[in-house]
Amino acid sequence: MMKSLVAAALLAASAGGALAQTATFDMTPDAFKERLNRALRADGGDPIRSCQTARNVQTCTFGDRAFQQSVAAMKEMNLLNGRFNLRTRLLIETSGGKVAGIRLTGSREEMANMMAFVSLFMNALMTMDPRITADDTKREADTFGLMRGDAAPDIGRERVDIRPYAAITCLNQPSRISMRVQCDLTPRS
């Protein structure tokens, strides 16, 4: 029943239509990105590398220095083998110069990308509400089933929860459909 506002915005943007939804977070996209970058750096992660804007949606990629260091450490422990590219993305929907929705996407194809996505999710939550602790975000990652795999009984179904700072919807698909994982943060209206 609950449709993702970000998905609707992306559909409207791709169709050239205007978005009827007007609820926004009380921050500009630049303020959100600045706060997120601070959180990512403090956590030892990579900041946003670049963003491209198409209509009212910014699509951002991240640097991968810390990601590649993590991959190298996992290879030393024989947990990974091969080459890996960071697959996390940030989409920011805007309306009236404010953030109207946030989509985080990633991959659960292998451990390094899954961990990078969970870290991005946790840092995005701390960006939205600075009172949230690292322990709180770990509980949130569990609540939203970010690490669940094909054996989870609700794989392929959205997990939705309302927090004081946002409505959050996360989805992991069965691997036969997609290894993509995503979470949407939308303003409470």
Protein backbone atom coordinates (compact mmCIF):
# COMPACT_ATOMS: atom_id res chain seq x y z
CA MET A 1 0.00 0.00 0.00
CA MET A 2 2.75 2.46 0.93
CA LYS A 3 4.46 3.54 -2.29
CA SER A 4 7.94 4.89 -2.22
CA LEU A 5 7.86 8.64 -2.81
CA VAL A 6 11.32 8.47 -4.29
CA ALA A 7 10.20 5.83 -6.79
CA ALA A 8 7.26 8.04 -7.72
CA ALA A 9 9.60 10.99 -8.12
CA LEU A 10 11.95 9.01 -10.34
CA LEU A 11 9.01 7.82 -12.43
CA ALA A 12 7.68 11.37 -12.70
CA ALA A 13 11.13 12.68 -13.60
CA SER A 14 11.62 10.03 -16.27
CA ALA A 15 8.15 10.70 -17.66
CA GLY A 16 8.73 14.44 -17.60
CA GLY A 17 5.85 14.96 -15.17
CA ALA A 18 5.75 17.16 -12.12
CA LEU A 19 5.78 15.64 -8.68
CA ALA A 20 2.66 16.39 -6.66
CA GLN A 21 4.29 15.48 -3.33
CA THR A 22 5.50 18.58 -1.47
CA ALA A 23 6.67 17.32 1.95
CA THR A 24 10.40 17.90 2.41
CA PHE A 25 13.09 17.46 5.01
CA ASP A 26 14.28 20.70 6.57
CA MET A 27 17.60 20.74 4.68
CA THR A 28 18.96 21.49 1.27
CA PRO A 29 20.63 18.75 -0.78
CA ASP A 30 24.02 20.45 -0.27
CA ALA A 31 23.53 20.55 3.51
CA PHE A 32 22.56 16.87 3.53
CA LYS A 33 25.56 15.88 1.41
CA GLU A 34 27.92 17.95 3.58
CA ARG A 35 26.60 16.33 6.78
CA LEU A 36 26.69 12.86 5.22
CA ASN A 37 30.29 13.37 4.06
CA ARG A 38 31.30 14.41 7.60
CA ALA A 39 29.67 11.28 9.03
CA LEU A 40 31.28 9.03 6.40
CA ARG A 41 34.76 10.50 6.99
CA ALA A 42 34.37 10.19 10.78
CA ASP A 43 33.43 6.53 10.23
CA GLY A 44 36.52 5.94 8.05
CA GLY A 45 34.48 5.75 4.86
CA ASP A 46 34.65 7.42 1.50
CA PRO A 47 32.79 10.68 0.84
CA ILE A 48 30.66 11.49 -2.17
CA ARG A 49 32.77 11.61 -5.32
CA SER A 50 30.34 13.25 -7.72
CA CYS A 51 26.68 13.94 -8.35
CA GLN A 52 24.72 14.28 -11.57
CA THR A 53 21.39 16.10 -11.67
CA ALA A 54 18.49 15.18 -13.93
CA ARG A 55 15.41 17.30 -13.31
CA ASN A 56 14.73 17.08 -9.59
CA VAL A 57 16.91 14.04 -8.78
CA GLN A 58 20.62 14.06 -7.96
CA THR A 59 22.44 10.73 -8.40
CA CYS A 60 25.68 10.54 -6.43
CA THR A 61 28.58 8.09 -6.41
CA PHE A 62 31.22 7.64 -3.73
CA GLY A 63 34.99 7.46 -3.67
CA ASP A 64 36.33 3.94 -3.20
CA ARG A 65 39.69 4.26 -1.41
CA ALA A 66 38.37 2.96 1.94
CA PHE A 67 36.26 0.35 0.12
CA GLN A 68 39.33 -1.00 -1.71
CA GLN A 69 41.27 -1.06 1.59
CA SER A 70 38.45 -3.14 3.07
CA VAL A 71 38.54 -5.48 0.06
CA ALA A 72 42.32 -5.89 0.45
CA ALA A 73 41.92 -6.72 4.16
CA MET A 74 39.26 -9.32 3.35
CA LYS A 75 41.52 -10.85 0.70
CA GLU A 76 44.32 -11.17 3.26
CA MET A 77 41.92 -13.15 5.45
CA ASN A 78 40.88 -15.30 2.44
CA LEU A 79 37.32 -13.98 2.65
CA LEU A 80 37.31 -12.53 -0.88
CA ASN A 81 39.03 -13.23 -4.16
CA GLY A 82 38.92 -11.16 -7.32
CA ARG A 83 38.27 -7.53 -8.22
CA PHE A 84 35.38 -5.57 -6.75
CA ASN A 85 33.80 -2.26 -7.62
CA LEU A 86 31.86 -0.19 -5.13
CA ARG A 87 28.16 -0.31 -6.04
CA THR A 88 26.61 2.12 -3.55
CA ARG A 89 24.64 5.09 -4.88
CA LEU A 90 22.74 7.96 -3.34
CA LEU A 91 19.71 9.52 -5.03
CA ILE A 92 18.35 12.76 -3.64
CA GLU A 93 14.97 14.00 -4.79
CA THR A 94 14.47 17.75 -4.41
CA SER A 95 11.44 19.99 -4.22
CA GLY A 96 11.62 23.74 -3.72
CA GLY A 97 15.34 23.57 -2.99
CA LYS A 98 14.88 21.07 -0.14
CA VAL A 99 15.41 17.32 0.14
CA ALA A 100 12.11 15.56 -0.61
CA GLY A 101 13.40 11.98 -0.57
CA ILE A 102 16.56 9.92 -0.28
CA ARG A 103 17.27 6.55 -1.88
CA LEU A 104 20.32 4.50 -0.97
CA THR A 105 21.17 1.62 -3.28
CA GLY A 106 23.81 -1.06 -3.11
CA SER A 107 24.55 -4.69 -3.78
CA ARG A 108 24.67 -7.82 -1.68
CA GLU A 109 26.65 -9.74 -4.31
CA GLU A 110 29.56 -10.10 -1.92
CA MET A 111 30.50 -9.11 1.60
CA ALA A 112 32.47 -5.94 0.80
CA ASN A 113 29.61 -4.26 -1.06
CA MET A 114 27.03 -5.41 1.49
CA MET A 115 29.10 -3.91 4.31
CA ALA A 116 29.58 -0.67 2.34
CA PHE A 117 25.81 -0.39 1.88
CA VAL A 118 25.06 -1.02 5.55
CA SER A 119 27.66 1.59 6.52
CA LEU A 120 26.09 4.13 4.13
CA PHE A 121 22.64 3.39 5.60
CA MET A 122 23.89 3.81 9.17
CA ASN A 123 25.65 7.08 8.34
CA ALA A 124 22.59 8.40 6.50
CA LEU A 125 20.46 7.78 9.60
CA MET A 126 22.97 9.64 11.78
CA THR A 127 22.91 12.47 9.24
CA MET A 128 19.13 12.70 9.47
CA ASP A 129 19.14 12.67 13.29
CA PRO A 130 22.49 13.47 14.97
CA ARG A 131 21.14 12.13 18.30
CA ILE A 132 21.18 8.59 16.89
CA THR A 133 24.12 6.55 18.16
CA ALA A 134 26.13 3.92 16.30
CA ASP A 135 24.40 1.26 18.44
CA ASP A 136 21.00 2.66 17.38
CA THR A 137 21.95 2.41 13.71
CA LYS A 138 23.11 -1.20 14.14
CA ARG A 139 19.68 -2.05 15.56
CA GLU A 140 18.08 -0.22 12.63
CA ALA A 141 20.13 -2.25 10.12
CA ASP A 142 18.81 -5.41 11.82
CA THR A 143 15.24 -4.05 11.96
CA PHE A 144 15.28 -3.41 8.22
CA GLY A 145 16.90 -6.76 7.43
CA LEU A 146 19.74 -5.27 5.42
CA MET A 147 21.92 -8.35 5.82
CA ARG A 148 19.15 -10.88 5.11
CA GLY A 149 19.64 -13.36 2.32
CA ASP A 150 17.53 -15.73 0.27
CA ALA A 151 16.72 -17.94 3.29
CA ALA A 152 14.91 -15.09 5.08
CA PRO A 153 11.16 -15.77 5.11
CA ASP A 154 10.34 -12.19 4.06
CA ILE A 155 12.99 -11.77 1.37
CA GLY A 156 11.48 -9.76 -1.49
CA ARG A 157 9.05 -7.89 0.76
CA GLU A 158 9.61 -4.32 1.88
CA ARG A 159 10.27 -3.62 5.52
CA VAL A 160 8.73 -0.30 6.52
CA ASP A 161 8.99 1.71 9.71
CA ILE A 162 8.25 5.25 10.76
CA ARG A 163 10.89 7.07 12.77
CA PRO A 164 10.66 10.60 14.20
CA TYR A 165 12.97 11.88 11.45
CA ALA A 166 11.70 9.86 8.42
CA ALA A 167 9.59 7.06 7.03
CA ILE A 168 12.01 4.30 6.02
CA THR A 169 11.40 1.52 3.51
CA CYS A 170 14.05 -1.12 2.71
CA LEU A 171 13.97 -3.97 0.20
CA ASN A 172 16.22 -6.95 -0.50
CA GLN A 173 15.14 -9.15 -3.41
CA PRO A 174 15.79 -12.89 -3.78
CA SER A 175 19.07 -13.37 -5.65
CA ARG A 176 17.26 -14.96 -8.62
CA ILE A 177 15.59 -11.56 -9.15
CA SER A 178 18.31 -9.09 -8.14
CA MET A 179 21.25 -8.66 -5.78
CA ARG A 180 20.33 -5.00 -5.38
CA VAL A 181 19.42 -3.68 -1.96
CA GLN A 182 17.81 -0.29 -1.39
CA CYS A 183 16.38 1.90 1.33
CA ASP A 184 14.21 4.98 0.89
CA LEU A 185 13.94 7.76 3.46
CA THR A 186 10.95 10.03 2.98
CA PRO A 187 9.68 12.96 5.04
CA ARG A 188 6.91 12.37 7.51
CA SER A 189 3.97 14.41 6.32
